[in-house]
């Protein structure tokens, strides 16, 4: 099954939109976890503009694994560690969702990254979006269906200290409209339909599907808020989530 890795922006005491290369953690060791340094992961769907080409109404992401990858130097060698929390949940978009907690070991890390794995199954997709395309007096139902395994992954962050007794908060900020970048009204009007529904998937309107997959590779934003006594910092963010936890 094809995997899609998403490069994600990271925020600590502010927002920075970053780009960089990921480290290979396929051979990472599984660290014995010392309790007391949880990373709580949540998802918030981006508010939609009233003038958007497609008004998204519902949808979901299917999560199967939450992961925190870390690296640090032991002697003269680099050690890779991985903390995981297996999960099977349908994440309903447009509703703030608590994904789960990954317990990590308090330590200084030369690098740290956060990953949520999305996978499909017999009865569900990795990603499904449902919306309405409005053009002139036309209203056309739209579905985006993605069955490839998707990795929502942050870039590697350098020199991060995880402290005992502190709760860290990672917020995935999912913007469905970003997936349609490069697709205009003319292309949607020309697209084929199934029972009057414009379906974008690996088997339908493949040209549009390839654009969506390219946009996935270009990145989905994530906010990582540095903790303030275990509570999300109340600083002003340039693109804040629409909820307060």
Protein backbone atom coordinates (compact mmCIF):
# COMPACT_ATOMS: atom_id res chain seq x y z
CA UNK A 1 0.00 0.00 0.00
CA UNK A 2 1.34 3.40 -0.93
CA UNK A 3 2.31 5.69 1.93
CA UNK A 4 1.99 9.44 1.86
CA UNK A 5 4.14 11.43 4.28
CA UNK A 6 3.00 14.94 5.12
CA UNK A 7 5.49 17.58 6.20
CA UNK A 8 3.90 19.62 8.97
CA UNK A 9 4.64 23.00 10.50
CA UNK A 10 5.50 23.13 14.22
CA UNK A 11 4.74 25.78 16.82
CA UNK A 12 6.44 26.45 20.15
CA UNK A 13 5.71 29.81 21.78
CA UNK A 14 4.56 31.16 18.42
CA UNK A 15 4.06 29.87 14.88
CA UNK A 16 6.82 29.08 12.43
CA UNK A 17 6.21 27.56 9.02
CA UNK A 18 9.23 25.37 8.44
CA UNK A 19 10.56 22.97 5.85
CA UNK A 20 13.17 20.28 6.22
CA UNK A 21 14.13 16.66 5.73
CA UNK A 22 12.85 13.87 7.96
CA UNK A 23 15.14 11.35 9.60
CA UNK A 24 14.82 7.65 8.88
CA UNK A 25 13.30 5.97 11.96
CA UNK A 26 12.40 2.62 10.41
CA UNK A 27 15.09 0.94 12.55
CA UNK A 28 14.43 2.97 15.69
CA UNK A 29 14.72 1.18 19.00
CA UNK A 30 11.68 0.96 21.26
CA UNK A 31 12.51 2.92 24.40
CA UNK A 32 11.46 1.73 27.84
CA UNK A 33 9.10 4.54 28.84
CA UNK A 34 9.58 6.36 32.12
CA UNK A 35 6.06 7.60 33.01
CA UNK A 36 5.47 11.28 33.54
CA UNK A 37 5.97 13.04 30.20
CA UNK A 38 2.77 12.63 28.15
CA UNK A 39 2.19 14.23 24.74
CA UNK A 40 -1.53 14.83 24.19
CA UNK A 41 -2.58 14.91 20.54
CA UNK A 42 -5.74 16.67 19.30
CA UNK A 43 -7.23 17.61 15.94
CA UNK A 44 -9.00 20.81 14.94
CA UNK A 45 -10.51 21.44 11.49
CA UNK A 46 -9.73 24.80 9.91
CA UNK A 47 -12.66 27.26 9.67
CA UNK A 48 -13.93 27.66 6.11
CA UNK A 49 -14.21 30.83 4.10
CA UNK A 50 -17.72 31.73 2.94
CA UNK A 51 -16.36 32.21 -0.58
CA UNK A 52 -14.58 28.86 -0.84
CA UNK A 53 -15.05 26.88 -4.05
CA UNK A 54 -16.31 23.87 -2.09
CA UNK A 55 -18.13 24.13 1.21
CA UNK A 56 -17.09 21.04 3.19
CA UNK A 57 -19.90 19.71 5.35
CA UNK A 58 -18.54 16.55 6.94
CA UNK A 59 -15.78 13.99 6.78
CA UNK A 60 -13.42 11.86 8.79
CA UNK A 61 -9.84 10.66 9.19
CA UNK A 62 -9.12 7.05 10.22
CA UNK A 63 -6.25 6.94 12.72
CA UNK A 64 -4.39 3.72 13.52
CA UNK A 65 -1.25 4.89 15.32
CA UNK A 66 0.08 7.88 17.26
CA UNK A 67 3.88 8.15 17.33
CA UNK A 68 6.57 10.34 18.83
CA UNK A 69 9.99 9.81 17.25
CA UNK A 70 13.11 11.03 19.01
CA UNK A 71 16.88 11.00 18.58
CA UNK A 72 19.76 11.74 20.89
CA UNK A 73 23.50 11.20 20.92
CA UNK A 74 24.98 8.46 23.10
CA UNK A 75 28.76 8.61 23.05
CA UNK A 76 29.72 9.10 19.42
CA UNK A 77 26.62 7.50 17.92
CA UNK A 78 23.05 8.60 17.22
CA UNK A 79 20.28 6.68 18.97
CA UNK A 80 16.76 6.69 17.56
CA UNK A 81 13.80 6.01 19.84
CA UNK A 82 10.11 5.66 19.12
CA UNK A 83 7.09 5.93 21.42
CA UNK A 84 3.77 4.68 20.10
CA UNK A 85 0.13 4.36 21.04
CA UNK A 86 -1.97 2.11 18.80
CA UNK A 87 -5.46 3.43 18.22
CA UNK A 88 -8.46 2.57 16.08
CA UNK A 89 -10.72 5.57 15.76
CA UNK A 90 -12.74 7.49 13.24
CA UNK A 91 -11.92 11.17 13.69
CA UNK A 92 -14.95 13.26 12.77
CA UNK A 93 -13.86 16.49 11.12
CA UNK A 94 -15.31 19.89 12.07
CA UNK A 95 -15.49 18.78 15.70
CA UNK A 96 -12.48 19.21 18.02
CA UNK A 97 -11.20 15.71 18.72
CA UNK A 98 -8.90 14.28 21.35
CA UNK A 99 -6.77 11.66 19.57
CA UNK A 100 -4.89 10.17 22.49
CA UNK A 101 -1.76 10.42 24.59
CA UNK A 102 1.72 9.09 23.86
CA UNK A 103 3.88 8.55 26.95
CA UNK A 104 7.49 9.62 26.43
CA UNK A 105 10.65 9.47 28.52
CA UNK A 106 11.85 12.73 30.08
CA UNK A 107 15.14 13.54 28.36
CA UNK A 108 17.00 15.98 26.17
CA UNK A 109 16.45 15.11 22.50
CA UNK A 110 18.62 16.29 19.63
CA UNK A 111 15.53 15.82 17.45
CA UNK A 112 11.82 15.16 17.95
CA UNK A 113 8.95 14.50 15.52
CA UNK A 114 5.22 13.74 15.87
CA UNK A 115 3.30 11.36 13.59
CA UNK A 116 -0.32 10.26 13.20
CA UNK A 117 -0.88 7.32 10.85
CA UNK A 118 -4.12 7.19 8.83
CA UNK A 119 -5.17 3.89 7.24
CA UNK A 120 -8.19 2.55 5.38
CA UNK A 121 -10.18 -0.64 6.00
CA UNK A 122 -12.94 -2.66 4.40
CA UNK A 123 -15.68 -0.34 5.65
CA UNK A 124 -13.87 3.03 5.77
CA UNK A 125 -11.30 5.22 4.02
CA UNK A 126 -8.12 6.78 5.38
CA UNK A 127 -9.64 10.19 4.54
CA UNK A 128 -13.18 11.03 3.43
CA UNK A 129 -14.50 14.53 2.78
CA UNK A 130 -18.09 15.43 1.83
CA UNK A 131 -19.06 18.84 0.51
CA UNK A 132 -20.98 20.94 -2.01
CA UNK A 133 -19.51 22.63 -5.08
CA UNK A 134 -21.51 25.74 -5.92
CA UNK A 135 -21.11 27.46 -9.28
CA UNK A 136 -23.72 29.95 -10.59
CA UNK A 137 -27.00 28.16 -9.83
CA UNK A 138 -25.50 24.70 -9.70
CA UNK A 139 -24.98 22.67 -6.53
CA UNK A 140 -22.95 19.49 -6.99
CA UNK A 141 -22.16 17.05 -4.15
CA UNK A 142 -18.43 16.32 -3.87
CA UNK A 143 -16.62 13.42 -2.20
CA UNK A 144 -12.87 13.02 -1.72
CA UNK A 145 -11.89 9.43 -0.89
CA UNK A 146 -8.29 8.49 -0.04
CA UNK A 147 -7.32 4.90 0.70
CA UNK A 148 -3.51 5.18 0.67
CA UNK A 149 -1.84 5.06 4.08
CA UNK A 150 -1.15 8.66 5.11
CA UNK A 151 1.45 9.83 7.63
CA UNK A 152 0.68 13.18 9.23
CA UNK A 153 4.24 13.98 10.24
CA UNK A 154 5.97 17.03 11.66
CA UNK A 155 9.46 18.04 10.64
CA UNK A 156 12.28 17.16 13.00
CA UNK A 157 12.74 19.74 15.72
CA UNK A 158 16.21 20.29 17.15
CA UNK A 159 17.23 20.42 20.81
CA UNK A 160 13.97 19.67 22.62
CA UNK A 161 13.82 18.96 26.36
CA UNK A 162 10.96 16.79 27.61
CA UNK A 163 10.55 17.36 31.36
CA UNK A 164 9.20 15.05 34.03
CA UNK A 165 5.69 15.92 35.18
CA UNK A 166 4.88 18.19 32.22
CA UNK A 167 2.06 17.61 29.72
CA UNK A 168 2.77 18.58 26.11
CA UNK A 169 0.02 19.43 23.62
CA UNK A 170 0.19 18.69 19.90
CA UNK A 171 -2.69 20.04 17.78
CA UNK A 172 -3.17 18.86 14.21
CA UNK A 173 -4.76 21.72 12.27
CA UNK A 174 -6.47 20.12 9.26
CA UNK A 175 -7.55 22.40 6.40
CA UNK A 176 -9.69 20.54 3.81
CA UNK A 177 -9.62 23.49 1.40
CA UNK A 178 -5.83 23.19 1.17
CA UNK A 179 -6.22 19.81 -0.52
CA UNK A 180 -8.02 21.47 -3.47
CA UNK A 181 -5.28 24.00 -4.25
CA UNK A 182 -4.78 24.13 -8.02
CA UNK A 183 -8.29 22.87 -8.84
CA UNK A 184 -10.55 25.58 -10.28
CA UNK A 185 -14.28 25.73 -11.06
CA UNK A 186 -13.77 24.80 -14.72
CA UNK A 187 -12.03 21.55 -13.83
CA UNK A 188 -14.77 20.64 -11.37
CA UNK A 189 -17.48 21.37 -13.94
CA UNK A 190 -15.72 19.11 -16.46
CA UNK A 191 -15.20 16.27 -13.99
CA UNK A 192 -17.14 13.04 -14.33
CA UNK A 193 -19.88 12.21 -11.83
CA UNK A 194 -21.29 9.09 -10.22
CA UNK A 195 -25.03 9.37 -9.58
CA UNK A 196 -24.62 13.18 -9.82
CA UNK A 197 -21.84 13.14 -7.18
CA UNK A 198 -18.37 14.36 -8.13
CA UNK A 199 -16.12 11.67 -6.65
CA UNK A 200 -12.38 12.27 -6.44
CA UNK A 201 -10.56 9.01 -5.73
CA UNK A 202 -7.92 6.65 -7.09
CA UNK A 203 -10.62 5.23 -9.39
CA UNK A 204 -12.55 8.38 -10.35
CA UNK A 205 -11.31 11.71 -11.75
CA UNK A 206 -7.75 10.52 -11.35
CA UNK A 207 -6.27 13.81 -12.59
CA UNK A 208 -7.96 15.66 -9.73
CA UNK A 209 -7.00 12.90 -7.30
CA UNK A 210 -3.34 13.29 -8.24
CA UNK A 211 -3.53 17.02 -7.48
CA UNK A 212 -5.06 16.28 -4.07
CA UNK A 213 -2.30 13.77 -3.31
CA UNK A 214 0.35 16.31 -4.35
CA UNK A 215 -1.20 18.84 -1.98
CA UNK A 216 -1.09 16.26 0.80
CA UNK A 217 2.63 15.87 0.19
CA UNK A 218 3.07 19.65 0.34
CA UNK A 219 2.01 19.67 3.97
CA UNK A 220 -0.74 19.90 6.54
CA UNK A 221 -0.23 22.38 9.38
CA UNK A 222 0.23 21.27 12.96
CA UNK A 223 0.38 23.49 16.02
CA UNK A 224 2.59 22.28 18.86
CA UNK A 225 1.97 24.47 21.88
CA UNK A 226 4.67 24.64 24.51
CA UNK A 227 3.04 23.87 27.86
CA UNK A 228 2.33 26.37 30.57
CA UNK A 229 1.94 24.27 33.71
CA UNK A 230 0.23 21.58 31.67
CA UNK A 231 -2.19 24.01 29.99
CA UNK A 232 -2.03 25.32 26.43
CA UNK A 233 -0.22 28.65 26.46
CA UNK A 234 -2.60 31.59 26.09
CA UNK A 235 -0.32 33.45 23.67
CA UNK A 236 -1.81 34.98 20.52
CA UNK A 237 -1.23 32.69 17.53
CA UNK A 238 -1.34 33.97 13.97
CA UNK A 239 -3.69 31.13 12.91
CA UNK A 240 -5.28 29.93 16.16
CA UNK A 241 -7.56 26.90 16.33
CA UNK A 242 -11.24 27.70 16.63
CA UNK A 243 -11.54 26.15 20.09
CA UNK A 244 -9.99 26.51 23.52
CA UNK A 245 -9.30 23.35 25.51
